[in-house]
Amino acid sequence: MLTRIVAWVLGVVALVVGALCFWPELFGLQRSNPYVYAVASRGVAVLVALIGVAVIAILGILGKRARRMLRPVSFWLLVFAVASGLLVYNRGWSNVAVADVKAGQITVFSWNTMGGKAGAKSIATQALEAKADVVSLPETTLAVANEIKALMAVAGHPMTVLHIAFDNDYKAHSTALLISTALGSYVLDESQGTTSTSPSIVARPERAGSPTIVAAHAISPAPDQLDVWRKDLTWLAQRCSQANVIMAGDFNATVDNTAGLGPAVMGNCGDAALKLGAASIGTWPSNLPSLLGTQIDHVFFSSEWQPVGITITPSFSDKLSDHRPVIATLVPVAN
């Protein structure tokens, strides 16, 4: 009798914990500890659940009573693993190539360069290969950004550089944004403020009809910094409450974490990777297999735009950065 009661209690606990870890946004917990981390990597969640099932199976072999008590836990772990696996599958892990050039298209290259560790030449080379019109570079100094600008100008792709640094010595507190001069003139819009610890840039167009461009960098959600992290995400979501916005960078948040910050994925903005079926490709850390990583680097877009291409290179290491670059091509909805 006692074994059945314990089994029932353990089964209920496993069900509740599994539900909270699988879909914390249903309960408004997606930005609360520990559920912030529970949804960080769905691939890791599947792996951990399957390891749990294996451990329970071994314990069951060692004792009949343990097998009976833990059977419900094993069942709910399997349900959790299957549900998480289906979510990984549905969100997708395939890059989408751009079929043809369309009028008004904008290609965004976003990369947290780990304090410029990748070097200006490598960053410029990849941005040029992507034919990027917008280059969002969290953790990149003004000196490196100007080197990139010079290299791209020599290649016939002139760019405007905007930059904010909170700390000239600590490179993580520096963000650079390069915008093709073909998109018109852009100026730093300081009236909208910025994020808390690592800066974000709001670039306002001087040509009517051009999008506002945001280079984003939210603080990471360390347990003692969750309030600041939530504040950063709220500020970024508010930038996406405006019309005609393209926002790219390191958000230190998955699309699960940003749920509830507005009617869309991030404020009023959609996510290019989620829209095109590449949202299960982890962008950090780059030295883990992409399906075990977490996608915290995004290109978000307002309703005036739609994504037609996405590239997050799965085969990458931390030799250049601990983040994978994200390349997304957007076209005006009118197209």
C-alpha atoms as a PDB file:
ATOM      1  CA  MET A   1       0.000   0.000   0.000  1.00  0.00           C
ATOM      2  CA  LEU A   2       2.790   2.407   0.964  1.00  0.00           C
ATOM      3  CA  THR A   3       4.595   1.654  -2.300  1.00  0.00           C
ATOM      4  CA  ARG A   4       1.490   2.622  -4.295  1.00  0.00           C
ATOM      5  CA  ILE A   5       1.077   5.877  -2.369  1.00  0.00           C
ATOM      6  CA  VAL A   6       4.716   6.819  -2.878  1.00  0.00           C
ATOM      7  CA  ALA A   7       4.455   5.932  -6.569  1.00  0.00           C
ATOM      8  CA  TRP A   8       1.346   8.085  -6.945  1.00  0.00           C
ATOM      9  CA  VAL A   9       2.962  11.064  -5.156  1.00  0.00           C
ATOM     10  CA  LEU A  10       6.154  10.765  -7.209  1.00  0.00           C
ATOM     11  CA  GLY A  11       4.097  10.536 -10.404  1.00  0.00           C
ATOM     12  CA  VAL A  12       2.158  13.724  -9.578  1.00  0.00           C
ATOM     13  CA  VAL A  13       5.402  15.547  -8.727  1.00  0.00           C
ATOM     14  CA  ALA A  14       6.987  14.369 -11.981  1.00  0.00           C
ATOM     15  CA  LEU A  15       3.935  15.507 -13.967  1.00  0.00           C
ATOM     16  CA  VAL A  16       3.895  18.974 -12.391  1.00  0.00           C
ATOM     17  CA  VAL A  17       7.651  19.511 -12.678  1.00  0.00           C
ATOM     18  CA  GLY A  18       7.646  18.237 -16.257  1.00  0.00           C
ATOM     19  CA  ALA A  19       4.788  20.545 -17.245  1.00  0.00           C
ATOM     20  CA  LEU A  20       6.479  23.553 -15.648  1.00  0.00           C
ATOM     21  CA  CYS A  21       9.804  22.800 -17.325  1.00  0.00           C
ATOM     22  CA  PHE A  22       8.259  22.077 -20.712  1.00  0.00           C
ATOM     23  CA  TRP A  23       5.954  25.104 -20.988  1.00  0.00           C
ATOM     24  CA  PRO A  24       6.557  27.588 -18.138  1.00  0.00           C
ATOM     25  CA  GLU A  25       4.977  30.386 -20.189  1.00  0.00           C
ATOM     26  CA  LEU A  26       1.602  28.722 -19.595  1.00  0.00           C
ATOM     27  CA  PHE A  27       2.036  29.725 -15.947  1.00  0.00           C
ATOM     28  CA  GLY A  28       3.889  33.007 -16.586  1.00  0.00           C
ATOM     29  CA  LEU A  29       7.163  31.578 -15.265  1.00  0.00           C
ATOM     30  CA  GLN A  30       9.313  31.778 -18.408  1.00  0.00           C
ATOM     31  CA  ARG A  31      11.444  34.586 -16.961  1.00  0.00           C
ATOM     32  CA  SER A  32      11.604  33.189 -13.422  1.00  0.00           C
ATOM     33  CA  ASN A  33      14.249  31.025 -11.775  1.00  0.00           C
ATOM     34  CA  PRO A  34      14.713  28.093 -12.484  1.00  0.00           C
ATOM     35  CA  TYR A  35      12.455  27.971 -15.554  1.00  0.00           C
ATOM     36  CA  VAL A  36      14.578  30.554 -17.378  1.00  0.00           C
ATOM     37  CA  TYR A  37      17.180  27.820 -17.703  1.00  0.00           C
ATOM     38  CA  ALA A  38      14.795  24.884 -18.130  1.00  0.00           C
ATOM     39  CA  VAL A  39      13.775  26.115 -21.591  1.00  0.00           C
ATOM     40  CA  ALA A  40      17.264  27.231 -22.621  1.00  0.00           C
ATOM     41  CA  SER A  41      17.974  24.116 -24.696  1.00  0.00           C
ATOM     42  CA  ARG A  42      15.210  21.742 -25.706  1.00  0.00           C
ATOM     43  CA  GLY A  43      17.838  19.341 -27.049  1.00  0.00           C
ATOM     44  CA  VAL A  44      19.534  19.133 -23.656  1.00  0.00           C
ATOM     45  CA  ALA A  45      16.103  18.670 -22.054  1.00  0.00           C
ATOM     46  CA  VAL A  46      15.476  15.603 -24.225  1.00  0.00           C
ATOM     47  CA  LEU A  47      18.914  14.203 -23.367  1.00  0.00           C
ATOM     48  CA  VAL A  48      18.508  14.749 -19.615  1.00  0.00           C
ATOM     49  CA  ALA A  49      15.041  13.162 -19.604  1.00  0.00           C
ATOM     50  CA  LEU A  50      16.304  10.078 -21.447  1.00  0.00           C
ATOM     51  CA  ILE A  51      19.239   9.758 -19.052  1.00  0.00           C
ATOM     52  CA  GLY A  52      16.731   9.913 -16.196  1.00  0.00           C
ATOM     53  CA  VAL A  53      14.708   7.103 -17.766  1.00  0.00           C
ATOM     54  CA  ALA A  54      17.879   5.012 -18.122  1.00  0.00           C
ATOM     55  CA  VAL A  55      18.872   5.590 -14.491  1.00  0.00           C
ATOM     56  CA  ILE A  56      15.395   4.585 -13.295  1.00  0.00           C
ATOM     57  CA  ALA A  57      15.549   1.452 -15.444  1.00  0.00           C
ATOM     58  CA  ILE A  58      18.831   0.478 -13.794  1.00  0.00           C
ATOM     59  CA  LEU A  59      17.384   1.114 -10.334  1.00  0.00           C
ATOM     60  CA  GLY A  60      14.379  -1.014 -11.306  1.00  0.00           C
ATOM     61  CA  ILE A  61      16.647  -3.913 -12.157  1.00  0.00           C
ATOM     62  CA  LEU A  62      18.223  -3.648  -8.720  1.00  0.00           C
ATOM     63  CA  GLY A  63      14.956  -3.696  -6.806  1.00  0.00           C
ATOM     64  CA  LYS A  64      11.296  -4.560  -7.423  1.00  0.00           C
ATOM     65  CA  ARG A  65      10.009  -1.951  -4.961  1.00  0.00           C
ATOM     66  CA  ALA A  66      12.080   0.809  -6.548  1.00  0.00           C
ATOM     67  CA  ARG A  67      10.745  -0.224  -9.973  1.00  0.00           C
ATOM     68  CA  ARG A  68       7.139   0.097  -8.810  1.00  0.00           C
ATOM     69  CA  MET A  69       7.661   3.435  -7.074  1.00  0.00           C
ATOM     70  CA  LEU A  70       9.596   5.022  -9.931  1.00  0.00           C
ATOM     71  CA  ARG A  71       7.525   3.666 -12.837  1.00  0.00           C
ATOM     72  CA  PRO A  72       5.265   6.791 -12.970  1.00  0.00           C
ATOM     73  CA  VAL A  73       8.326   9.060 -12.915  1.00  0.00           C
ATOM     74  CA  SER A  74       9.816   7.125 -15.812  1.00  0.00           C
ATOM     75  CA  PHE A  75       6.545   7.440 -17.741  1.00  0.00           C
ATOM     76  CA  TRP A  76       6.367  11.220 -17.340  1.00  0.00           C
ATOM     77  CA  LEU A  77      10.043  11.583 -18.203  1.00  0.00           C
ATOM     78  CA  LEU A  78       9.354   9.739 -21.446  1.00  0.00           C
ATOM     79  CA  VAL A  79       6.362  11.964 -22.156  1.00  0.00           C
ATOM     80  CA  PHE A  80       8.536  15.018 -21.488  1.00  0.00           C
ATOM     81  CA  ALA A  81      11.293  13.713 -23.774  1.00  0.00           C
ATOM     82  CA  VAL A  82       8.864  12.982 -26.617  1.00  0.00           C
ATOM     83  CA  ALA A  83       7.103  16.357 -26.268  1.00  0.00           C
ATOM     84  CA  SER A  84      10.420  18.222 -26.175  1.00  0.00           C
ATOM     85  CA  GLY A  85      11.700  16.250 -29.157  1.00  0.00           C
ATOM     86  CA  LEU A  86       8.581  17.110 -31.149  1.00  0.00           C
ATOM     87  CA  LEU A  87       9.054  20.776 -30.286  1.00  0.00           C
ATOM     88  CA  VAL A  88      12.658  20.641 -31.492  1.00  0.00           C
ATOM     89  CA  TYR A  89      11.439  19.033 -34.722  1.00  0.00           C
ATOM     90  CA  ASN A  90       8.618  21.524 -35.247  1.00  0.00           C
ATOM     91  CA  ARG A  91      10.837  24.547 -34.653  1.00  0.00           C
ATOM     92  CA  GLY A  92      13.310  23.144 -37.138  1.00  0.00           C
ATOM     93  CA  TRP A  93      17.070  23.087 -37.683  1.00  0.00           C
ATOM     94  CA  SER A  94      17.393  23.763 -41.422  1.00  0.00           C
ATOM     95  CA  ASN A  95      18.870  26.890 -42.955  1.00  0.00           C
ATOM     96  CA  VAL A  96      16.877  28.525 -45.751  1.00  0.00           C
ATOM     97  CA  ALA A  97      18.700  29.931 -48.777  1.00  0.00           C
ATOM     98  CA  VAL A  98      17.461  33.087 -50.474  1.00  0.00           C
ATOM     99  CA  ALA A  99      15.995  32.091 -53.832  1.00  0.00           C
ATOM    100  CA  ASP A 100      16.391  35.427 -55.621  1.00  0.00           C
ATOM    101  CA  VAL A 101      17.029  39.099 -54.953  1.00  0.00           C
ATOM    102  CA  LYS A 102      13.879  41.116 -54.339  1.00  0.00           C
ATOM    103  CA  ALA A 103      13.326  44.848 -54.343  1.00  0.00           C
ATOM    104  CA  GLY A 104      13.949  46.437 -50.969  1.00  0.00           C
ATOM    105  CA  GLN A 105      15.448  43.334 -49.348  1.00  0.00           C
ATOM    106  CA  ILE A 106      17.756  43.788 -46.367  1.00  0.00           C
ATOM    107  CA  THR A 107      20.271  41.186 -45.229  1.00  0.00           C
ATOM    108  CA  VAL A 108      21.210  41.296 -41.553  1.00  0.00           C
ATOM    109  CA  PHE A 109      24.430  39.823 -40.183  1.00  0.00           C
ATOM    110  CA  SER A 110      24.485  39.528 -36.398  1.00  0.00           C
ATOM    111  CA  TRP A 111      27.363  38.197 -34.324  1.00  0.00           C
ATOM    112  CA  ASN A 112      28.468  38.555 -30.727  1.00  0.00           C
ATOM    113  CA  THR A 113      32.198  38.688 -31.433  1.00  0.00           C
ATOM    114  CA  MET A 114      33.324  37.927 -27.868  1.00  0.00           C
ATOM    115  CA  GLY A 115      35.093  41.236 -27.419  1.00  0.00           C
ATOM    116  CA  GLY A 116      36.225  41.310 -31.029  1.00  0.00           C
ATOM    117  CA  LYS A 117      38.098  38.017 -30.628  1.00  0.00           C
ATOM    118  CA  ALA A 118      37.164  37.045 -34.194  1.00  0.00           C
ATOM    119  CA  GLY A 119      39.155  39.976 -35.561  1.00  0.00           C
ATOM    120  CA  ALA A 120      38.077  42.645 -38.042  1.00  0.00           C
ATOM    121  CA  LYS A 121      39.216  40.686 -41.112  1.00  0.00           C
ATOM    122  CA  SER A 122      37.188  37.587 -40.252  1.00  0.00           C
ATOM    123  CA  ILE A 123      34.089  39.627 -39.360  1.00  0.00           C
ATOM    124  CA  ALA A 124      34.324  41.737 -42.527  1.00  0.00           C
ATOM    125  CA  THR A 125      34.908  38.671 -44.707  1.00  0.00           C
ATOM    126  CA  GLN A 126      31.805  36.928 -43.379  1.00  0.00           C
ATOM    127  CA  ALA A 127      29.689  40.084 -43.607  1.00  0.00           C
ATOM    128  CA  LEU A 128      30.775  40.582 -47.221  1.00  0.00           C
ATOM    129  CA  GLU A 129      30.105  36.931 -48.092  1.00  0.00           C
ATOM    130  CA  ALA A 130      26.611  37.382 -46.641  1.00  0.00           C
ATOM    131  CA  LYS A 131      26.166  40.608 -48.658  1.00  0.00           C
ATOM    132  CA  ALA A 132      25.048  42.189 -45.415  1.00  0.00           C
ATOM    133  CA  ASP A 133      23.290  45.544 -45.385  1.00  0.00           C
ATOM    134  CA  VAL A 134      23.154  45.597 -41.585  1.00  0.00           C
ATOM    135  CA  VAL A 135      25.913  44.273 -39.323  1.00  0.00           C
ATOM    136  CA  SER A 136      25.016  44.043 -35.616  1.00  0.00           C
ATOM    137  CA  LEU A 137      28.051  43.349 -33.431  1.00  0.00           C
ATOM    138  CA  PRO A 138      27.613  43.066 -29.652  1.00  0.00           C
ATOM    139  CA  GLU A 139      30.915  43.052 -27.733  1.00  0.00           C
ATOM    140  CA  THR A 140      32.757  44.902 -30.497  1.00  0.00           C
ATOM    141  CA  THR A 141      34.840  48.028 -29.960  1.00  0.00           C
ATOM    142  CA  LEU A 142      34.810  51.149 -32.107  1.00  0.00           C
ATOM    143  CA  ALA A 143      38.369  50.450 -33.275  1.00  0.00           C
ATOM    144  CA  VAL A 144      37.386  47.014 -34.583  1.00  0.00           C
ATOM    145  CA  ALA A 145      34.196  48.416 -36.140  1.00  0.00           C
ATOM    146  CA  ASN A 146      36.186  51.072 -37.995  1.00  0.00           C
ATOM    147  CA  GLU A 147      38.574  48.393 -39.288  1.00  0.00           C
ATOM    148  CA  ILE A 148      35.579  46.419 -40.554  1.00  0.00           C
ATOM    149  CA  LYS A 149      34.187  49.549 -42.198  1.00  0.00           C
ATOM    150  CA  ALA A 150      37.479  50.163 -43.986  1.00  0.00           C
ATOM    151  CA  LEU A 151      37.725  46.566 -45.230  1.00  0.00           C
ATOM    152  CA  MET A 152      34.141  46.605 -46.496  1.00  0.00           C
ATOM    153  CA  ALA A 153      34.683  49.968 -48.200  1.00  0.00           C
ATOM    154  CA  VAL A 154      37.691  48.575 -50.077  1.00  0.00           C
ATOM    155  CA  ALA A 155      35.432  45.708 -51.221  1.00  0.00           C
ATOM    156  CA  GLY A 156      32.941  48.235 -52.616  1.00  0.00           C
ATOM    157  CA  HIS A 157      30.440  47.986 -49.749  1.00  0.00           C
ATOM    158  CA  PRO A 158      30.575  51.314 -47.838  1.00  0.00           C
ATOM    159  CA  MET A 159      29.021  51.325 -44.371  1.00  0.00           C
ATOM    160  CA  THR A 160      28.101  53.831 -41.687  1.00  0.00           C
ATOM    161  CA  VAL A 161      29.333  52.991 -38.167  1.00  0.00           C
ATOM    162  CA  LEU A 162      27.374  53.672 -34.990  1.00  0.00           C
ATOM    163  CA  HIS A 163      28.796  52.674 -31.622  1.00  0.00           C
ATOM    164  CA  ILE A 164      28.117  52.773 -27.877  1.00  0.00           C
ATOM    165  CA  ALA A 165      30.567  51.772 -25.124  1.00  0.00           C
ATOM    166  CA  PHE A 166      29.871  51.765 -21.395  1.00  0.00           C
ATOM    167  CA  ASP A 167      33.442  50.759 -20.603  1.00  0.00           C
ATOM    168  CA  ASN A 168      36.381  51.269 -22.956  1.00  0.00           C
ATOM    169  CA  ASP A 169      38.465  48.655 -21.118  1.00  0.00           C
ATOM    170  CA  TYR A 170      35.891  45.845 -20.841  1.00  0.00           C
ATOM    171  CA  LYS A 171      35.021  45.007 -24.439  1.00  0.00           C
ATOM    172  CA  ALA A 172      31.809  43.151 -23.559  1.00  0.00           C
ATOM    173  CA  HIS A 173      30.308  46.533 -22.664  1.00  0.00           C
ATOM    174  CA  SER A 174      30.652  47.788 -26.210  1.00  0.00           C
ATOM    175  CA  THR A 175      28.298  47.387 -29.193  1.00  0.00           C
ATOM    176  CA  ALA A 176      28.815  48.342 -32.835  1.00  0.00           C
ATOM    177  CA  LEU A 177      26.356  48.655 -35.695  1.00  0.00           C
ATOM    178  CA  LEU A 178      27.274  49.028 -39.354  1.00  0.00           C
ATOM    179  CA  ILE A 179      24.621  50.031 -41.900  1.00  0.00           C
ATOM    180  CA  SER A 180      25.071  50.126 -45.662  1.00  0.00           C
ATOM    181  CA  THR A 181      25.063  53.656 -47.067  1.00  0.00           C
ATOM    182  CA  ALA A 182      22.692  52.306 -49.730  1.00  0.00           C
ATOM    183  CA  LEU A 183      19.980  52.311 -47.031  1.00  0.00           C
ATOM    184  CA  GLY A 184      20.429  56.039 -46.531  1.00  0.00           C
ATOM    185  CA  SER A 185      21.689  58.070 -43.606  1.00  0.00           C
ATOM    186  CA  TYR A 186      21.234  56.800 -40.032  1.00  0.00           C
ATOM    187  CA  VAL A 187      21.850  58.540 -36.726  1.00  0.00           C
ATOM    188  CA  LEU A 188      22.124  57.306 -33.159  1.00  0.00           C
ATOM    189  CA  ASP A 189      18.800  57.857 -31.386  1.00  0.00           C
ATOM    190  CA  GLU A 190      19.824  58.412 -27.771  1.00  0.00           C
ATOM    191  CA  SER A 191      16.341  59.601 -26.790  1.00  0.00           C
ATOM    192  CA  GLN A 192      15.111  56.000 -26.521  1.00  0.00           C
ATOM    193  CA  GLY A 193      17.756  54.989 -23.998  1.00  0.00           C
ATOM    194  CA  THR A 194      19.542  51.647 -24.025  1.00  0.00           C
ATOM    195  CA  THR A 195      19.958  48.384 -22.147  1.00  0.00           C
ATOM    196  CA  SER A 196      21.454  48.230 -18.673  1.00  0.00           C
ATOM    197  CA  THR A 197      24.910  46.664 -18.578  1.00  0.00           C
ATOM    198  CA  SER A 198      25.850  45.965 -22.185  1.00  0.00           C
ATOM    199  CA  PRO A 199      24.619  48.696 -24.547  1.00  0.00           C
ATOM    200  CA  SER A 200      22.084  48.418 -27.343  1.00  0.00           C
ATOM    201  CA  ILE A 201      21.935  50.844 -30.256  1.00  0.00           C
ATOM    202  CA  VAL A 202      18.822  52.413 -31.736  1.00  0.00           C
ATOM    203  CA  ALA A 203      19.561  53.754 -35.225  1.00  0.00           C
ATOM    204  CA  ARG A 204      17.005  56.170 -36.633  1.00  0.00           C
ATOM    205  CA  PRO A 205      16.739  56.606 -40.413  1.00  0.00           C
ATOM    206  CA  GLU A 206      16.771  60.063 -41.927  1.00  0.00           C
ATOM    207  CA  ARG A 207      15.132  58.759 -45.090  1.00  0.00           C
ATOM    208  CA  ALA A 208      11.379  58.265 -44.918  1.00  0.00           C
ATOM    209  CA  GLY A 209      10.261  54.650 -45.187  1.00  0.00           C
ATOM    210  CA  SER A 210      13.550  53.113 -44.039  1.00  0.00           C
ATOM    211  CA  PRO A 211      13.362  50.875 -40.951  1.00  0.00           C
ATOM    212  CA  THR A 212      14.584  51.744 -37.480  1.00  0.00           C
ATOM    213  CA  ILE A 213      17.461  49.362 -36.765  1.00  0.00           C
ATOM    214  CA  VAL A 214      18.349  48.110 -33.291  1.00  0.00           C
ATOM    215  CA  ALA A 215      21.598  46.343 -32.407  1.00  0.00           C
ATOM    216  CA  ALA A 216      20.694  44.524 -29.205  1.00  0.00           C
ATOM    217  CA  HIS A 217      22.619  43.133 -26.271  1.00  0.00           C
ATOM    218  CA  ALA A 218      20.764  42.111 -23.117  1.00  0.00           C
ATOM    219  CA  ILE A 219      22.592  41.077 -19.960  1.00  0.00           C
ATOM    220  CA  SER A 220      22.820  37.333 -19.346  1.00  0.00           C
ATOM    221  CA  PRO A 221      20.272  35.880 -16.879  1.00  0.00           C
ATOM    222  CA  ALA A 222      22.580  35.040 -13.988  1.00  0.00           C
ATOM    223  CA  PRO A 223      20.549  34.223 -10.858  1.00  0.00           C
ATOM    224  CA  ASP A 224      21.548  37.498  -9.186  1.00  0.00           C
ATOM    225  CA  GLN A 225      20.846  39.527 -12.348  1.00  0.00           C
ATOM    226  CA  LEU A 226      17.391  38.269 -13.295  1.00  0.00           C
ATOM    227  CA  ASP A 227      15.687  41.567 -12.484  1.00  0.00           C
ATOM    228  CA  VAL A 228      18.128  43.468 -14.706  1.00  0.00           C
ATOM    229  CA  TRP A 229      17.756  40.853 -17.463  1.00  0.00           C
ATOM    230  CA  ARG A 230      13.970  41.163 -17.357  1.00  0.00           C
ATOM    231  CA  LYS A 231      14.297  44.941 -17.518  1.00  0.00           C
ATOM    232  CA  ASP A 232      16.546  44.649 -20.588  1.00  0.00           C
ATOM    233  CA  LEU A 233      14.103  42.339 -22.374  1.00  0.00           C
ATOM    234  CA  THR A 234      11.205  44.641 -21.573  1.00  0.00           C
ATOM    235  CA  TRP A 235      13.105  47.620 -22.990  1.00  0.00           C
ATOM    236  CA  LEU A 236      13.948  45.680 -26.154  1.00  0.00           C
ATOM    237  CA  ALA A 237      10.345  44.509 -26.544  1.00  0.00           C
ATOM    238  CA  GLN A 238       9.243  48.145 -26.311  1.00  0.00           C
ATOM    239  CA  ARG A 239      11.497  48.988 -29.252  1.00  0.00           C
ATOM    240  CA  CYS A 240       9.461  46.397 -31.141  1.00  0.00           C
ATOM    241  CA  SER A 241       6.221  48.118 -30.217  1.00  0.00           C
ATOM    242  CA  GLN A 242       7.064  50.731 -32.839  1.00  0.00           C
ATOM    243  CA  ALA A 243       6.417  50.458 -36.564  1.00  0.00           C
ATOM    244  CA  ASN A 244       9.020  49.442 -39.149  1.00  0.00           C
ATOM    245  CA  VAL A 245      11.729  47.927 -36.943  1.00  0.00           C
ATOM    246  CA  ILE A 246      14.503  45.409 -37.532  1.00  0.00           C
ATOM    247  CA  MET A 247      16.278  44.297 -34.351  1.00  0.00           C
ATOM    248  CA  ALA A 248      19.235  41.920 -34.191  1.00  0.00           C
ATOM    249  CA  GLY A 249      21.825  40.853 -31.674  1.00  0.00           C
ATOM    250  CA  ASP A 250      22.451  38.839 -28.526  1.00  0.00           C
ATOM    251  CA  PHE A 251      19.294  38.788 -26.391  1.00  0.00           C
ATOM    252  CA  ASN A 252      20.480  36.141 -23.925  1.00  0.00           C
ATOM    253  CA  ALA A 253      16.938  34.780 -24.208  1.00  0.00           C
ATOM    254  CA  THR A 254      15.131  32.130 -26.201  1.00  0.00           C
ATOM    255  CA  VAL A 255      11.752  32.591 -27.855  1.00  0.00           C
ATOM    256  CA  ASP A 256      10.289  30.869 -24.792  1.00  0.00           C
ATOM    257  CA  ASN A 257      11.807  33.501 -22.501  1.00  0.00           C
ATOM    258  CA  THR A 258      10.441  36.393 -24.585  1.00  0.00           C
ATOM    259  CA  ALA A 259       6.878  35.029 -24.599  1.00  0.00           C
ATOM    260  CA  GLY A 260       4.398  37.406 -23.021  1.00  0.00           C
ATOM    261  CA  LEU A 261       6.394  40.565 -23.738  1.00  0.00           C
ATOM    262  CA  GLY A 262       3.857  41.446 -26.411  1.00  0.00           C
ATOM    263  CA  PRO A 263       1.384  39.886 -28.833  1.00  0.00           C
ATOM    264  CA  ALA A 264       4.159  38.439 -31.029  1.00  0.00           C
ATOM    265  CA  VAL A 265       7.432  36.654 -30.243  1.00  0.00           C
ATOM    266  CA  MET A 266       9.187  39.803 -29.012  1.00  0.00           C
ATOM    267  CA  GLY A 267       6.858  42.713 -28.459  1.00  0.00           C
ATOM    268  CA  ASN A 268       5.173  43.136 -31.844  1.00  0.00           C
ATOM    269  CA  CYS A 269       8.068  41.494 -33.690  1.00  0.00           C
ATOM    270  CA  GLY A 270       8.423  38.049 -35.201  1.00  0.00           C
ATOM    271  CA  ASP A 271      11.580  35.929 -35.129  1.00  0.00           C
ATOM    272  CA  ALA A 272      13.249  35.076 -38.444  1.00  0.00           C
ATOM    273  CA  ALA A 273      14.562  31.670 -37.353  1.00  0.00           C
ATOM    274  CA  LEU A 274      11.245  30.617 -35.832  1.00  0.00           C
ATOM    275  CA  LYS A 275       9.326  31.761 -38.903  1.00  0.00           C
ATOM    276  CA  LEU A 276      11.586  29.889 -41.333  1.00  0.00           C
ATOM    277  CA  GLY A 277      12.095  26.683 -39.332  1.00  0.00           C
ATOM    278  CA  ALA A 278      15.581  27.159 -37.924  1.00  0.00           C
ATOM    279  CA  ALA A 279      14.741  27.915 -34.300  1.00  0.00           C
ATOM    280  CA  SER A 280      16.287  24.713 -32.915  1.00  0.00           C
ATOM    281  CA  ILE A 281      19.800  25.643 -34.053  1.00  0.00           C
ATOM    282  CA  GLY A 282      21.691  26.757 -30.971  1.00  0.00           C
ATOM    283  CA  THR A 283      23.734  29.925 -31.348  1.00  0.00           C
ATOM    284  CA  TRP A 284      25.535  29.583 -28.005  1.00  0.00           C
ATOM    285  CA  PRO A 285      27.880  28.083 -26.985  1.00  0.00           C
ATOM    286  CA  SER A 286      29.445  27.540 -30.374  1.00  0.00           C
ATOM    287  CA  ASN A 287      31.629  24.633 -29.213  1.00  0.00           C
ATOM    288  CA  LEU A 288      28.586  22.433 -28.498  1.00  0.00           C
ATOM    289  CA  PRO A 289      26.608  20.600 -31.195  1.00  0.00           C
ATOM    290  CA  SER A 290      23.984  23.039 -32.424  1.00  0.00           C
ATOM    291  CA  LEU A 291      21.046  20.894 -31.244  1.00  0.00           C
ATOM    292  CA  LEU A 292      22.404  20.983 -27.689  1.00  0.00           C
ATOM    293  CA  GLY A 293      22.982  24.732 -27.701  1.00  0.00           C
ATOM    294  CA  THR A 294      20.556  27.528 -26.969  1.00  0.00           C
ATOM    295  CA  GLN A 295      19.324  30.042 -29.521  1.00  0.00           C
ATOM    296  CA  ILE A 296      19.828  33.393 -27.820  1.00  0.00           C
ATOM    297  CA  ASP A 297      20.917  35.367 -30.894  1.00  0.00           C
ATOM    298  CA  HIS A 298      18.011  36.535 -33.027  1.00  0.00           C
ATOM    299  CA  VAL A 299      16.845  38.714 -35.868  1.00  0.00           C
ATOM    300  CA  PHE A 300      13.438  40.162 -35.018  1.00  0.00           C
ATOM    301  CA  PHE A 301      11.244  42.070 -37.468  1.00  0.00           C
ATOM    302  CA  SER A 302       8.058  44.134 -37.358  1.00  0.00           C
ATOM    303  CA  SER A 303       4.985  43.438 -39.490  1.00  0.00           C
ATOM    304  CA  GLU A 304       6.286  45.539 -42.401  1.00  0.00           C
ATOM    305  CA  TRP A 305       8.871  42.818 -43.091  1.00  0.00           C
ATOM    306  CA  GLN A 306       8.986  39.097 -43.742  1.00  0.00           C
ATOM    307  CA  PRO A 307      12.012  36.763 -43.657  1.00  0.00           C
ATOM    308  CA  VAL A 308      12.972  34.854 -46.797  1.00  0.00           C
ATOM    309  CA  GLY A 309      16.338  33.443 -45.773  1.00  0.00           C
ATOM    310  CA  ILE A 310      18.168  32.362 -42.622  1.00  0.00           C
ATOM    311  CA  THR A 311      21.635  30.938 -42.015  1.00  0.00           C
ATOM    312  CA  ILE A 312      23.020  29.790 -38.664  1.00  0.00           C
ATOM    313  CA  THR A 313      26.070  27.701 -39.427  1.00  0.00           C
ATOM    314  CA  PRO A 314      25.918  24.509 -37.304  1.00  0.00           C
ATOM    315  CA  SER A 315      29.588  23.626 -37.869  1.00  0.00           C
ATOM    316  CA  PHE A 316      31.336  26.237 -35.767  1.00  0.00           C
ATOM    317  CA  SER A 317      33.721  26.343 -32.819  1.00  0.00           C
ATOM    318  CA  ASP A 318      34.692  28.849 -30.161  1.00  0.00           C
ATOM    319  CA  LYS A 319      37.959  29.597 -31.949  1.00  0.00           C
ATOM    320  CA  LEU A 320      36.524  32.932 -33.128  1.00  0.00           C
ATOM    321  CA  SER A 321      33.650  33.466 -30.681  1.00  0.00           C
ATOM    322  CA  ASP A 322      31.454  31.583 -28.247  1.00  0.00           C
ATOM    323  CA  HIS A 323      28.461  32.579 -30.409  1.00  0.00           C
ATOM    324  CA  ARG A 324      27.460  31.478 -33.897  1.00  0.00           C
ATOM    325  CA  PRO A 325      26.722  34.226 -36.435  1.00  0.00           C
ATOM    326  CA  VAL A 326      23.123  34.675 -37.603  1.00  0.00           C
ATOM    327  CA  ILE A 327      22.328  35.861 -41.119  1.00  0.00           C
ATOM    328  CA  ALA A 328      18.748  36.714 -42.077  1.00  0.00           C
ATOM    329  CA  THR A 329      17.318  38.265 -45.227  1.00  0.00           C
ATOM    330  CA  LEU A 330      14.110  40.254 -44.951  1.00  0.00           C
ATOM    331  CA  VAL A 331      11.891  41.727 -47.655  1.00  0.00           C
ATOM    332  CA  PRO A 332       9.099  44.299 -47.432  1.00  0.00           C
ATOM    333  CA  VAL A 333       5.700  42.659 -46.995  1.00  0.00           C
ATOM    334  CA  ALA A 334       4.552  44.457 -50.152  1.00  0.00           C
ATOM    335  CA  ASN A 335       6.785  42.056 -52.077  1.00  0.00           C
END
